[in-house]
Amino acid sequence: MDCNDLGEWPLATGGLETLRLNCNGSTHPWRTRNARNHMPKERTSLRYQLYRSQARKQAAIVTARLQLQPAQNESTLIDLSKVRFEPINQQAVEASRLWKDQHFAWCEVVEWKAREPLSLDIAIWHEEQLCGLCFANPNASRKRIRIVRLEGRPREKHPLKNRIGALALIAIEQYAQFLGSNILEIQEPLKGAVSHYQKLGFDFDSQGRLVKNLENRVS
């Protein structure tokens, strides 16, 4: 599911401070709890870079094999072999600026990636059209991955409408296997998005966090 399911709101936030931000160089608080103070050595960083690349590649392979039913109000199947999972680079940032009513300043993620070498950034394309973006980050133990930002192209119709959440999870779960993570957590989900995440396998734990347990997932 993408933010089109929720009217004007995306599925997840990185804290209220992140809504409708700009990229004029100003600094904004970012409240995710992460592995920032556990910076890996260069060789280790290269390993996580490889993990990210492999997770995206495996997600594309898995997606290409899916045979999804047409989305609501659609009469034709989407060719999922044309879905690409790429890093959030300058090309993706520029493409996101063309979105109407964009909720997040995705240019910030380029800076975050440099500070968070274990994080996973995903730009979901269908051919040459950017359809969704996601940023997730593991905690210090790497046992839990938090989905910090997730947004599908708002307002306008696109080939992957109502599928961005599910597609992003494919890549995130692939990455979780590499890290040995067994919990996914939605960081500060919007109330209107909870039901959509529950359809994707998330539920509230005893501490009130919206999580998905991967321990019993069949590879």
N, C-alpha and C. Protein backbone atom coordinates (compact mmCIF):
# COMPACT_ATOMS: atom_id res chain seq x y z
N MET A 1 0.84 -1.19 0.00
CA MET A 1 0.00 0.00 0.00
C MET A 1 0.88 1.25 0.00
N ASP A 2 0.44 2.27 -0.67
CA ASP A 2 1.20 3.51 -0.63
C ASP A 2 0.32 4.60 -0.06
N CYS A 3 0.85 5.83 -0.06
CA CYS A 3 0.12 6.90 0.61
C CYS A 3 -1.17 7.25 -0.09
N ASN A 4 -1.40 6.77 -1.30
CA ASN A 4 -2.67 7.02 -1.98
C ASN A 4 -3.82 6.34 -1.25
N ASP A 5 -3.51 5.30 -0.47
CA ASP A 5 -4.55 4.61 0.29
C ASP A 5 -5.05 5.46 1.45
N LEU A 6 -4.29 6.49 1.83
CA LEU A 6 -4.57 7.23 3.03
C LEU A 6 -4.86 8.70 2.74
N GLY A 7 -5.32 8.99 1.55
CA GLY A 7 -5.61 10.38 1.24
C GLY A 7 -4.34 11.19 1.13
N GLU A 8 -4.11 12.07 2.10
CA GLU A 8 -2.98 12.98 2.03
C GLU A 8 -1.79 12.50 2.84
N TRP A 9 -1.84 11.30 3.43
CA TRP A 9 -0.78 10.90 4.35
C TRP A 9 -0.05 9.67 3.86
N PRO A 10 1.28 9.64 4.07
CA PRO A 10 2.05 8.44 3.76
C PRO A 10 1.88 7.40 4.84
N LEU A 11 2.44 6.21 4.63
CA LEU A 11 2.26 5.12 5.57
C LEU A 11 3.03 5.30 6.86
N ALA A 12 4.25 5.83 6.80
CA ALA A 12 5.05 5.92 8.01
C ALA A 12 5.76 7.25 8.06
N THR A 13 6.11 7.69 9.27
CA THR A 13 6.86 8.92 9.41
C THR A 13 8.14 8.63 10.15
N GLY A 14 9.07 9.56 10.07
CA GLY A 14 10.29 9.47 10.85
C GLY A 14 10.21 10.42 12.03
N GLY A 15 9.01 10.65 12.53
CA GLY A 15 8.78 11.64 13.56
C GLY A 15 8.05 12.82 12.94
N LEU A 16 7.27 13.52 13.73
CA LEU A 16 6.48 14.62 13.19
C LEU A 16 7.35 15.70 12.57
N GLU A 17 8.60 15.81 13.04
CA GLU A 17 9.46 16.85 12.51
C GLU A 17 9.77 16.65 11.04
N THR A 18 9.61 15.44 10.52
CA THR A 18 10.03 15.16 9.16
C THR A 18 8.97 15.49 8.12
N LEU A 19 7.76 15.81 8.53
CA LEU A 19 6.70 16.05 7.57
C LEU A 19 6.94 17.34 6.80
N ARG A 20 6.80 17.25 5.45
CA ARG A 20 6.89 18.40 4.58
C ARG A 20 8.15 19.23 4.83
N LEU A 21 9.29 18.56 4.83
CA LEU A 21 10.55 19.24 5.04
C LEU A 21 11.08 19.80 3.74
N ASN A 22 12.04 20.70 3.86
CA ASN A 22 12.68 21.21 2.67
C ASN A 22 14.14 20.79 2.64
N CYS A 23 14.83 21.11 1.55
CA CYS A 23 16.21 20.71 1.40
C CYS A 23 17.09 21.93 1.24
N ASN A 24 16.90 22.91 2.10
CA ASN A 24 17.66 24.15 1.97
C ASN A 24 18.90 24.15 2.85
N GLY A 25 19.24 22.95 3.36
CA GLY A 25 20.43 22.85 4.16
C GLY A 25 20.19 22.98 5.64
N SER A 26 18.96 23.24 6.06
CA SER A 26 18.67 23.35 7.47
C SER A 26 18.69 21.98 8.11
N THR A 27 18.96 21.95 9.41
CA THR A 27 19.07 20.69 10.14
C THR A 27 17.78 20.42 10.88
N HIS A 28 17.30 19.19 10.78
CA HIS A 28 16.07 18.80 11.46
C HIS A 28 16.34 17.60 12.33
N PRO A 29 15.66 17.49 13.49
CA PRO A 29 15.87 16.35 14.35
C PRO A 29 15.43 15.06 13.67
N TRP A 30 16.11 13.99 13.97
CA TRP A 30 15.72 12.68 13.45
C TRP A 30 15.81 11.71 14.60
N ARG A 31 14.68 11.16 15.00
CA ARG A 31 14.62 10.49 16.29
C ARG A 31 14.73 8.98 16.20
N THR A 32 15.14 8.45 15.08
CA THR A 32 15.26 7.00 15.02
C THR A 32 16.36 6.50 15.92
N ARG A 33 16.12 5.36 16.54
CA ARG A 33 17.13 4.72 17.37
C ARG A 33 17.85 3.72 16.48
N ASN A 34 19.15 3.87 16.34
CA ASN A 34 19.85 3.12 15.31
C ASN A 34 21.24 2.73 15.73
N ALA A 35 22.04 2.30 14.75
CA ALA A 35 23.39 1.82 15.02
C ALA A 35 24.43 2.89 14.75
N ARG A 36 24.07 4.15 14.87
CA ARG A 36 24.97 5.23 14.51
C ARG A 36 26.25 5.18 15.32
N ASN A 37 26.16 4.79 16.59
CA ASN A 37 27.34 4.76 17.45
C ASN A 37 28.11 3.46 17.35
N HIS A 38 27.74 2.65 16.39
CA HIS A 38 28.43 1.38 16.17
C HIS A 38 28.90 1.34 14.73
N MET A 39 29.68 2.33 14.34
CA MET A 39 30.11 2.46 12.96
C MET A 39 31.04 1.31 12.59
N PRO A 40 30.75 0.59 11.50
CA PRO A 40 31.60 -0.53 11.11
C PRO A 40 32.89 -0.05 10.47
N LYS A 41 33.88 -0.93 10.46
CA LYS A 41 35.12 -0.64 9.78
C LYS A 41 34.89 -0.68 8.28
N GLU A 42 35.90 -0.20 7.51
CA GLU A 42 35.72 -0.07 6.07
C GLU A 42 35.36 -1.39 5.42
N ARG A 43 36.06 -2.47 5.79
CA ARG A 43 35.77 -3.76 5.18
C ARG A 43 34.35 -4.20 5.50
N THR A 44 33.94 -3.95 6.75
CA THR A 44 32.57 -4.30 7.15
C THR A 44 31.56 -3.47 6.38
N SER A 45 31.87 -2.18 6.17
CA SER A 45 30.98 -1.31 5.41
C SER A 45 30.77 -1.84 4.00
N LEU A 46 31.83 -2.33 3.40
CA LEU A 46 31.72 -2.90 2.06
C LEU A 46 30.82 -4.13 2.07
N ARG A 47 30.88 -4.89 3.15
CA ARG A 47 30.03 -6.07 3.24
C ARG A 47 28.56 -5.67 3.27
N TYR A 48 28.23 -4.63 4.05
CA TYR A 48 26.83 -4.19 4.11
C TYR A 48 26.39 -3.55 2.80
N GLN A 49 27.31 -2.92 2.10
CA GLN A 49 27.00 -2.40 0.78
C GLN A 49 26.62 -3.54 -0.16
N LEU A 50 27.35 -4.64 -0.05
CA LEU A 50 27.03 -5.82 -0.85
C LEU A 50 25.68 -6.40 -0.44
N TYR A 51 25.40 -6.45 0.86
CA TYR A 51 24.12 -6.95 1.34
C TYR A 51 22.96 -6.13 0.76
N ARG A 52 23.10 -4.82 0.77
CA ARG A 52 22.04 -3.96 0.21
C ARG A 52 21.82 -4.25 -1.26
N SER A 53 22.92 -4.34 -2.00
CA SER A 53 22.82 -4.62 -3.43
C SER A 53 22.15 -5.95 -3.69
N GLN A 54 22.56 -6.97 -2.94
CA GLN A 54 21.98 -8.30 -3.13
C GLN A 54 20.51 -8.33 -2.73
N ALA A 55 20.15 -7.60 -1.68
CA ALA A 55 18.75 -7.57 -1.24
C ALA A 55 17.87 -6.96 -2.33
N ARG A 56 18.34 -5.89 -2.94
CA ARG A 56 17.57 -5.27 -4.03
C ARG A 56 17.46 -6.20 -5.23
N LYS A 57 18.57 -6.86 -5.58
CA LYS A 57 18.56 -7.77 -6.73
C LYS A 57 17.62 -8.94 -6.48
N GLN A 58 17.67 -9.51 -5.27
CA GLN A 58 16.79 -10.63 -4.95
C GLN A 58 15.33 -10.19 -4.93
N ALA A 59 15.08 -8.98 -4.47
CA ALA A 59 13.70 -8.47 -4.47
C ALA A 59 13.16 -8.36 -5.89
N ALA A 60 14.00 -7.93 -6.81
CA ALA A 60 13.58 -7.82 -8.21
C ALA A 60 13.27 -9.20 -8.79
N ILE A 61 14.09 -10.18 -8.44
CA ILE A 61 13.87 -11.55 -8.93
C ILE A 61 12.56 -12.10 -8.38
N VAL A 62 12.35 -11.93 -7.07
CA VAL A 62 11.12 -12.42 -6.44
C VAL A 62 9.90 -11.73 -7.04
N THR A 63 9.99 -10.42 -7.21
CA THR A 63 8.87 -9.65 -7.75
C THR A 63 8.53 -10.08 -9.17
N ALA A 64 9.55 -10.33 -9.98
CA ALA A 64 9.31 -10.72 -11.37
C ALA A 64 8.57 -12.05 -11.46
N ARG A 65 8.68 -12.87 -10.43
CA ARG A 65 8.02 -14.18 -10.43
C ARG A 65 6.59 -14.11 -9.93
N LEU A 66 6.22 -13.00 -9.34
CA LEU A 66 4.88 -12.89 -8.78
C LEU A 66 3.83 -12.77 -9.88
N GLN A 67 2.70 -13.35 -9.63
CA GLN A 67 1.56 -13.21 -10.53
C GLN A 67 0.43 -12.59 -9.71
N LEU A 68 0.40 -11.27 -9.69
CA LEU A 68 -0.60 -10.58 -8.89
C LEU A 68 -1.88 -10.36 -9.68
N GLN A 69 -2.96 -10.37 -8.97
CA GLN A 69 -4.25 -10.03 -9.58
C GLN A 69 -4.27 -8.53 -9.85
N PRO A 70 -5.07 -8.09 -10.81
CA PRO A 70 -5.16 -6.64 -11.04
C PRO A 70 -5.59 -5.92 -9.77
N ALA A 71 -5.01 -4.75 -9.54
CA ALA A 71 -5.43 -3.94 -8.40
C ALA A 71 -6.86 -3.47 -8.61
N GLN A 72 -7.47 -2.97 -7.53
CA GLN A 72 -8.85 -2.51 -7.60
C GLN A 72 -9.02 -1.46 -8.69
N ASN A 73 -10.07 -1.58 -9.45
CA ASN A 73 -10.40 -0.66 -10.55
C ASN A 73 -9.43 -0.77 -11.73
N GLU A 74 -8.63 -1.86 -11.78
CA GLU A 74 -7.75 -2.09 -12.91
C GLU A 74 -8.22 -3.33 -13.65
N SER A 75 -8.03 -3.36 -14.95
CA SER A 75 -8.50 -4.50 -15.74
C SER A 75 -7.36 -5.33 -16.30
N THR A 76 -6.14 -4.83 -16.19
CA THR A 76 -5.00 -5.55 -16.75
C THR A 76 -3.94 -5.81 -15.69
N LEU A 77 -3.19 -6.88 -15.88
CA LEU A 77 -2.08 -7.20 -14.99
C LEU A 77 -0.89 -6.28 -15.29
N ILE A 78 -0.11 -6.01 -14.26
CA ILE A 78 1.09 -5.20 -14.42
C ILE A 78 2.26 -6.13 -14.67
N ASP A 79 3.13 -5.76 -15.60
CA ASP A 79 4.32 -6.55 -15.88
C ASP A 79 5.35 -6.27 -14.79
N LEU A 80 5.41 -7.17 -13.80
CA LEU A 80 6.29 -6.96 -12.66
C LEU A 80 7.75 -7.23 -12.98
N SER A 81 8.03 -7.77 -14.16
CA SER A 81 9.43 -7.95 -14.54
C SER A 81 10.09 -6.61 -14.84
N LYS A 82 9.28 -5.56 -14.96
CA LYS A 82 9.81 -4.23 -15.25
C LYS A 82 10.03 -3.41 -13.98
N VAL A 83 9.81 -4.04 -12.81
CA VAL A 83 10.03 -3.36 -11.55
C VAL A 83 11.52 -3.40 -11.21
N ARG A 84 12.07 -2.26 -10.83
CA ARG A 84 13.47 -2.16 -10.44
C ARG A 84 13.59 -1.66 -9.01
N PHE A 85 14.49 -2.27 -8.25
CA PHE A 85 14.80 -1.83 -6.89
C PHE A 85 16.20 -1.23 -6.93
N GLU A 86 16.29 0.07 -6.71
CA GLU A 86 17.55 0.78 -6.83
C GLU A 86 17.84 1.57 -5.55
N PRO A 87 19.07 2.04 -5.38
CA PRO A 87 19.36 2.94 -4.25
C PRO A 87 18.64 4.27 -4.45
N ILE A 88 18.47 4.99 -3.36
CA ILE A 88 17.95 6.36 -3.46
C ILE A 88 19.14 7.26 -3.79
N ASN A 89 19.32 7.52 -5.05
CA ASN A 89 20.42 8.36 -5.52
C ASN A 89 19.88 9.70 -6.01
N GLN A 90 20.74 10.49 -6.61
CA GLN A 90 20.30 11.81 -7.06
C GLN A 90 19.21 11.72 -8.11
N GLN A 91 19.27 10.70 -8.96
CA GLN A 91 18.23 10.53 -9.96
C GLN A 91 16.87 10.29 -9.32
N ALA A 92 16.85 9.46 -8.27
CA ALA A 92 15.59 9.19 -7.57
C ALA A 92 15.09 10.44 -6.85
N VAL A 93 16.00 11.18 -6.23
CA VAL A 93 15.61 12.40 -5.54
C VAL A 93 14.98 13.39 -6.51
N GLU A 94 15.62 13.57 -7.66
CA GLU A 94 15.09 14.50 -8.66
C GLU A 94 13.72 14.04 -9.16
N ALA A 95 13.57 12.72 -9.36
CA ALA A 95 12.28 12.19 -9.81
C ALA A 95 11.20 12.41 -8.75
N SER A 96 11.57 12.27 -7.48
CA SER A 96 10.58 12.45 -6.41
C SER A 96 10.09 13.89 -6.32
N ARG A 97 10.91 14.83 -6.75
CA ARG A 97 10.51 16.23 -6.71
C ARG A 97 9.41 16.54 -7.71
N LEU A 98 9.19 15.65 -8.65
CA LEU A 98 8.12 15.83 -9.62
C LEU A 98 6.78 15.35 -9.09
N TRP A 99 6.80 14.65 -7.95
CA TRP A 99 5.56 14.18 -7.36
C TRP A 99 4.72 15.36 -6.88
N LYS A 100 3.43 15.26 -7.04
CA LYS A 100 2.53 16.26 -6.50
C LYS A 100 2.26 15.96 -5.03
N ASP A 101 2.32 16.97 -4.19
CA ASP A 101 2.06 16.83 -2.76
C ASP A 101 3.01 15.83 -2.11
N GLN A 102 4.27 15.90 -2.45
CA GLN A 102 5.27 15.05 -1.82
C GLN A 102 5.33 15.34 -0.33
N HIS A 103 5.37 14.30 0.50
CA HIS A 103 5.31 14.48 1.94
C HIS A 103 6.67 14.53 2.60
N PHE A 104 7.65 13.84 2.05
CA PHE A 104 8.97 13.78 2.65
C PHE A 104 10.00 14.43 1.75
N ALA A 105 11.01 15.02 2.35
CA ALA A 105 12.14 15.56 1.60
C ALA A 105 13.16 14.43 1.46
N TRP A 106 13.05 13.68 0.39
CA TRP A 106 13.89 12.49 0.23
C TRP A 106 15.34 12.82 -0.02
N CYS A 107 15.64 14.08 -0.31
CA CYS A 107 17.04 14.48 -0.46
C CYS A 107 17.81 14.26 0.84
N GLU A 108 17.11 14.28 1.98
CA GLU A 108 17.76 14.05 3.27
C GLU A 108 18.36 12.65 3.37
N VAL A 109 17.74 11.70 2.70
CA VAL A 109 18.19 10.32 2.80
C VAL A 109 19.61 10.16 2.27
N VAL A 110 19.96 10.95 1.27
CA VAL A 110 21.32 10.88 0.73
C VAL A 110 22.33 11.17 1.83
N GLU A 111 22.03 12.15 2.69
CA GLU A 111 22.91 12.47 3.81
C GLU A 111 22.83 11.39 4.89
N TRP A 112 21.64 10.90 5.16
CA TRP A 112 21.47 9.86 6.18
C TRP A 112 22.29 8.62 5.84
N LYS A 113 22.30 8.26 4.57
CA LYS A 113 23.02 7.06 4.15
C LYS A 113 24.50 7.14 4.53
N ALA A 114 25.08 8.33 4.44
CA ALA A 114 26.48 8.50 4.79
C ALA A 114 26.71 8.33 6.29
N ARG A 115 25.71 8.69 7.10
CA ARG A 115 25.82 8.57 8.55
C ARG A 115 25.41 7.20 9.06
N GLU A 116 24.63 6.48 8.27
CA GLU A 116 24.06 5.20 8.70
C GLU A 116 24.47 4.10 7.72
N PRO A 117 25.69 3.61 7.81
CA PRO A 117 26.20 2.66 6.81
C PRO A 117 25.49 1.32 6.80
N LEU A 118 24.70 1.01 7.82
CA LEU A 118 23.96 -0.25 7.84
C LEU A 118 22.54 -0.09 7.31
N SER A 119 22.13 1.13 6.98
CA SER A 119 20.75 1.38 6.57
C SER A 119 20.48 0.82 5.17
N LEU A 120 19.20 0.68 4.87
CA LEU A 120 18.75 0.20 3.57
C LEU A 120 17.87 1.26 2.93
N ASP A 121 18.25 1.72 1.75
CA ASP A 121 17.45 2.70 1.01
C ASP A 121 16.97 2.05 -0.28
N ILE A 122 15.71 2.28 -0.60
CA ILE A 122 15.10 1.61 -1.75
C ILE A 122 14.30 2.62 -2.57
N ALA A 123 14.62 2.68 -3.84
CA ALA A 123 13.81 3.42 -4.81
C ALA A 123 13.16 2.38 -5.71
N ILE A 124 11.84 2.38 -5.77
CA ILE A 124 11.10 1.38 -6.54
C ILE A 124 10.62 2.02 -7.83
N TRP A 125 11.13 1.52 -8.93
CA TRP A 125 10.82 2.03 -10.26
C TRP A 125 10.02 1.01 -11.05
N HIS A 126 9.15 1.49 -11.92
CA HIS A 126 8.56 0.64 -12.95
C HIS A 126 9.00 1.22 -14.28
N GLU A 127 9.90 0.51 -14.93
CA GLU A 127 10.61 1.04 -16.09
C GLU A 127 11.28 2.35 -15.67
N GLU A 128 10.92 3.49 -16.27
CA GLU A 128 11.58 4.75 -15.95
C GLU A 128 10.74 5.64 -15.04
N GLN A 129 9.70 5.08 -14.45
CA GLN A 129 8.83 5.88 -13.58
C GLN A 129 9.09 5.52 -12.13
N LEU A 130 9.43 6.52 -11.33
CA LEU A 130 9.62 6.31 -9.89
C LEU A 130 8.27 6.19 -9.21
N CYS A 131 8.05 5.05 -8.55
CA CYS A 131 6.74 4.78 -7.94
C CYS A 131 6.75 4.83 -6.42
N GLY A 132 7.91 4.60 -5.79
CA GLY A 132 7.94 4.59 -4.34
C GLY A 132 9.35 4.68 -3.80
N LEU A 133 9.45 5.08 -2.53
CA LEU A 133 10.73 5.23 -1.85
C LEU A 133 10.61 4.70 -0.42
N CYS A 134 11.71 4.15 0.09
CA CYS A 134 11.69 3.61 1.45
C CYS A 134 13.07 3.73 2.06
N PHE A 135 13.11 4.03 3.36
CA PHE A 135 14.36 4.07 4.11
C PHE A 135 14.15 3.30 5.41
N ALA A 136 15.03 2.32 5.67
CA ALA A 136 14.94 1.50 6.87
C ALA A 136 16.31 1.41 7.51
N ASN A 137 16.35 1.20 8.82
CA ASN A 137 17.61 1.21 9.54
C ASN A 137 17.58 0.19 10.69
N PRO A 138 18.61 -0.64 10.82
CA PRO A 138 18.65 -1.59 11.92
C PRO A 138 19.05 -0.93 13.23
N ASN A 139 18.71 -1.55 14.35
CA ASN A 139 19.19 -1.05 15.63
C ASN A 139 20.61 -1.57 15.86
N ALA A 140 21.18 -1.24 17.01
CA ALA A 140 22.59 -1.55 17.26
C ALA A 140 22.87 -3.05 17.24
N SER A 141 21.93 -3.85 17.69
CA SER A 141 22.13 -5.31 17.72
C SER A 141 21.88 -5.96 16.38
N ARG A 142 21.30 -5.20 15.43
CA ARG A 142 20.94 -5.68 14.10
C ARG A 142 19.82 -6.73 14.14
N LYS A 143 19.19 -6.90 15.27
CA LYS A 143 18.11 -7.88 15.39
C LYS A 143 16.77 -7.28 14.99
N ARG A 144 16.70 -5.98 14.91
CA ARG A 144 15.45 -5.29 14.61
C ARG A 144 15.72 -4.25 13.53
N ILE A 145 14.89 -4.22 12.50
CA ILE A 145 15.00 -3.20 11.46
C ILE A 145 13.78 -2.30 11.54
N ARG A 146 14.02 -1.01 11.64
CA ARG A 146 12.92 -0.05 11.71
C ARG A 146 12.69 0.60 10.35
N ILE A 147 11.47 0.59 9.91
CA ILE A 147 11.10 1.28 8.68
C ILE A 147 10.81 2.73 9.06
N VAL A 148 11.69 3.62 8.66
CA VAL A 148 11.64 5.01 9.08
C VAL A 148 10.75 5.84 8.17
N ARG A 149 10.91 5.64 6.86
CA ARG A 149 10.09 6.36 5.88
C ARG A 149 9.67 5.42 4.77
N LEU A 150 8.43 5.58 4.36
CA LEU A 150 7.89 4.80 3.24
C LEU A 150 6.83 5.66 2.56
N GLU A 151 7.01 5.85 1.26
CA GLU A 151 6.06 6.71 0.54
C GLU A 151 5.92 6.24 -0.90
N GLY A 152 4.68 6.08 -1.32
CA GLY A 152 4.40 5.83 -2.72
C GLY A 152 4.06 7.15 -3.40
N ARG A 153 4.19 7.18 -4.69
CA ARG A 153 3.89 8.41 -5.43
C ARG A 153 2.47 8.85 -5.15
N PRO A 154 2.30 10.01 -4.51
CA PRO A 154 0.95 10.43 -4.11
C PRO A 154 0.15 11.02 -5.27
N ARG A 155 -1.15 10.98 -5.08
CA ARG A 155 -2.10 11.63 -5.98
C ARG A 155 -2.20 10.98 -7.35
N GLU A 156 -1.09 10.99 -8.08
CA GLU A 156 -1.13 10.54 -9.46
C GLU A 156 -1.15 9.01 -9.58
N LYS A 157 -1.83 8.52 -10.59
CA LYS A 157 -1.87 7.10 -10.85
C LYS A 157 -0.50 6.64 -11.34
N HIS A 158 -0.07 5.46 -10.88
CA HIS A 158 1.17 4.88 -11.36
C HIS A 158 1.03 3.36 -11.41
N PRO A 159 1.89 2.66 -12.12
CA PRO A 159 1.71 1.22 -12.34
C PRO A 159 1.70 0.38 -11.06
N LEU A 160 2.34 0.86 -10.00
CA LEU A 160 2.47 0.07 -8.77
C LEU A 160 1.62 0.62 -7.63
N LYS A 161 0.62 1.38 -7.97
CA LYS A 161 -0.27 1.95 -6.95
C LYS A 161 -0.88 0.84 -6.11
N ASN A 162 -0.90 1.04 -4.80
CA ASN A 162 -1.41 0.09 -3.80
C ASN A 162 -0.51 -1.11 -3.59
N ARG A 163 0.70 -1.08 -4.16
CA ARG A 163 1.62 -2.22 -4.02
C ARG A 163 2.97 -1.84 -3.44
N ILE A 164 3.21 -0.56 -3.19
CA ILE A 164 4.52 -0.11 -2.76
C ILE A 164 4.93 -0.72 -1.42
N GLY A 165 4.01 -0.75 -0.46
CA GLY A 165 4.33 -1.33 0.84
C GLY A 165 4.76 -2.77 0.74
N ALA A 166 4.00 -3.57 -0.02
CA ALA A 166 4.32 -4.99 -0.17
C ALA A 166 5.65 -5.19 -0.89
N LEU A 167 5.91 -4.39 -1.91
CA LEU A 167 7.16 -4.53 -2.65
C LEU A 167 8.36 -4.10 -1.81
N ALA A 168 8.22 -3.03 -1.05
CA ALA A 168 9.31 -2.61 -0.17
C ALA A 168 9.65 -3.68 0.84
N LEU A 169 8.63 -4.36 1.35
CA LEU A 169 8.87 -5.41 2.34
C LEU A 169 9.65 -6.58 1.77
N ILE A 170 9.48 -6.86 0.50
CA ILE A 170 10.25 -7.94 -0.12
C ILE A 170 11.75 -7.65 0.01
N ALA A 171 12.14 -6.43 -0.33
CA ALA A 171 13.55 -6.04 -0.23
C ALA A 171 14.02 -5.99 1.21
N ILE A 172 13.20 -5.45 2.10
CA ILE A 172 13.60 -5.33 3.50
C ILE A 172 13.78 -6.71 4.13
N GLU A 173 12.89 -7.64 3.82
CA GLU A 173 13.00 -8.98 4.39
C GLU A 173 14.21 -9.72 3.82
N GLN A 174 14.55 -9.46 2.58
CA GLN A 174 15.77 -10.03 2.03
C GLN A 174 16.99 -9.51 2.80
N TYR A 175 17.00 -8.21 3.06
CA TYR A 175 18.11 -7.60 3.80
C TYR A 175 18.16 -8.14 5.22
N ALA A 176 17.01 -8.33 5.82
CA ALA A 176 16.95 -8.87 7.19
C ALA A 176 17.60 -10.24 7.27
N GLN A 177 17.46 -11.05 6.23
CA GLN A 177 18.10 -12.36 6.22
C GLN A 177 19.62 -12.22 6.28
N PHE A 178 20.16 -11.27 5.54
CA PHE A 178 21.61 -11.06 5.54
C PHE A 178 22.11 -10.60 6.90
N LEU A 179 21.33 -9.74 7.56
CA LEU A 179 21.75 -9.19 8.85
C LEU A 179 21.47 -10.13 10.01
N GLY A 180 20.58 -11.09 9.80
CA GLY A 180 20.14 -11.93 10.90
C GLY A 180 19.07 -11.25 11.75
N SER A 181 18.38 -10.28 11.17
CA SER A 181 17.31 -9.57 11.88
C SER A 181 16.06 -10.44 11.92
N ASN A 182 15.35 -10.40 13.03
CA ASN A 182 14.13 -11.21 13.12
C ASN A 182 12.87 -10.40 13.42
N ILE A 183 13.02 -9.06 13.53
CA ILE A 183 11.87 -8.20 13.80
C ILE A 183 11.92 -7.00 12.86
N LEU A 184 10.79 -6.70 12.23
CA LEU A 184 10.62 -5.43 11.51
C LEU A 184 9.68 -4.57 12.34
N GLU A 185 9.99 -3.29 12.42
CA GLU A 185 9.16 -2.36 13.20
C GLU A 185 8.86 -1.12 12.38
N ILE A 186 7.62 -0.69 12.42
CA ILE A 186 7.23 0.56 11.78
C ILE A 186 7.45 1.68 12.77
N GLN A 187 8.33 2.60 12.45
CA GLN A 187 8.62 3.70 13.36
C GLN A 187 7.54 4.76 13.26
N GLU A 188 6.85 4.98 14.37
CA GLU A 188 5.82 6.01 14.50
C GLU A 188 4.81 5.97 13.36
N PRO A 189 4.08 4.85 13.22
CA PRO A 189 3.09 4.76 12.13
C PRO A 189 1.93 5.72 12.36
N LEU A 190 1.41 6.24 11.27
CA LEU A 190 0.21 7.05 11.36
C LEU A 190 -0.99 6.15 11.63
N LYS A 191 -1.94 6.66 12.40
CA LYS A 191 -3.08 5.83 12.79
C LYS A 191 -3.82 5.27 11.57
N GLY A 192 -3.96 6.09 10.54
CA GLY A 192 -4.68 5.64 9.37
C GLY A 192 -3.98 4.56 8.58
N ALA A 193 -2.70 4.33 8.89
CA ALA A 193 -1.93 3.35 8.13
C ALA A 193 -1.88 1.98 8.81
N VAL A 194 -2.29 1.92 10.06
CA VAL A 194 -2.13 0.68 10.84
C VAL A 194 -2.81 -0.50 10.17
N SER A 195 -4.03 -0.33 9.70
CA SER A 195 -4.76 -1.45 9.09
C SER A 195 -4.06 -1.96 7.84
N HIS A 196 -3.40 -1.06 7.11
CA HIS A 196 -2.69 -1.48 5.90
C HIS A 196 -1.46 -2.31 6.27
N TYR A 197 -0.77 -1.90 7.34
CA TYR A 197 0.38 -2.68 7.78
C TYR A 197 -0.05 -4.04 8.34
N GLN A 198 -1.19 -4.06 8.99
CA GLN A 198 -1.66 -5.34 9.53
C GLN A 198 -1.96 -6.33 8.41
N LYS A 199 -2.41 -5.83 7.27
CA LYS A 199 -2.63 -6.71 6.11
C LYS A 199 -1.31 -7.27 5.58
N LEU A 200 -0.21 -6.58 5.88
CA LEU A 200 1.11 -7.03 5.44
C LEU A 200 1.81 -7.88 6.50
N GLY A 201 1.09 -8.23 7.57
CA GLY A 201 1.65 -9.13 8.57
C GLY A 201 2.13 -8.47 9.85
N PHE A 202 1.91 -7.17 10.00
CA PHE A 202 2.34 -6.48 11.21
C PHE A 202 1.24 -6.52 12.27
N ASP A 203 1.66 -6.45 13.53
CA ASP A 203 0.71 -6.36 14.63
C ASP A 203 1.42 -5.72 15.81
N PHE A 204 0.64 -5.28 16.80
CA PHE A 204 1.21 -4.63 17.96
C PHE A 204 1.77 -5.66 18.95
N ASP A 205 2.98 -5.39 19.47
CA ASP A 205 3.55 -6.28 20.48
C ASP A 205 3.11 -5.81 21.86
N SER A 206 3.64 -6.44 22.90
CA SER A 206 3.22 -6.13 24.27
C SER A 206 3.61 -4.72 24.70
N GLN A 207 4.56 -4.11 23.97
CA GLN A 207 4.98 -2.75 24.30
C GLN A 207 4.34 -1.71 23.38
N GLY A 208 3.37 -2.15 22.58
CA GLY A 208 2.65 -1.22 21.74
C GLY A 208 3.36 -0.82 20.47
N ARG A 209 4.38 -1.58 20.07
CA ARG A 209 5.09 -1.29 18.84
C ARG A 209 4.51 -2.14 17.70
N LEU A 210 4.39 -1.52 16.54
CA LEU A 210 3.84 -2.21 15.37
C LEU A 210 4.97 -2.99 14.71
N VAL A 211 4.94 -4.32 14.83
CA VAL A 211 6.06 -5.14 14.41
C VAL A 211 5.61 -6.34 13.58
N LYS A 212 6.58 -6.91 12.89
CA LYS A 212 6.38 -8.15 12.15
C LYS A 212 7.51 -9.09 12.54
N ASN A 213 7.15 -10.28 13.01
CA ASN A 213 8.14 -11.25 13.45
C ASN A 213 8.56 -12.12 12.27
N LEU A 214 9.85 -12.17 11.99
CA LEU A 214 10.35 -12.94 10.86
C LEU A 214 10.94 -14.28 11.28
N GLU A 215 10.93 -14.58 12.56
CA GLU A 215 11.59 -15.80 13.05
C GLU A 215 11.03 -17.06 12.43
N ASN A 216 9.72 -17.08 12.22
CA ASN A 216 9.07 -18.28 11.70
C ASN A 216 8.80 -18.21 10.20
N ARG A 217 9.43 -17.23 9.54
CA ARG A 217 9.22 -17.08 8.10
C ARG A 217 9.93 -18.16 7.33
N VAL A 218 9.23 -18.71 6.36
CA VAL A 218 9.83 -19.75 5.52
C VAL A 218 10.62 -19.09 4.42
N SER A 219 11.90 -19.42 4.24
CA SER A 219 12.75 -18.82 3.23
C SER A 219 12.34 -19.29 1.85
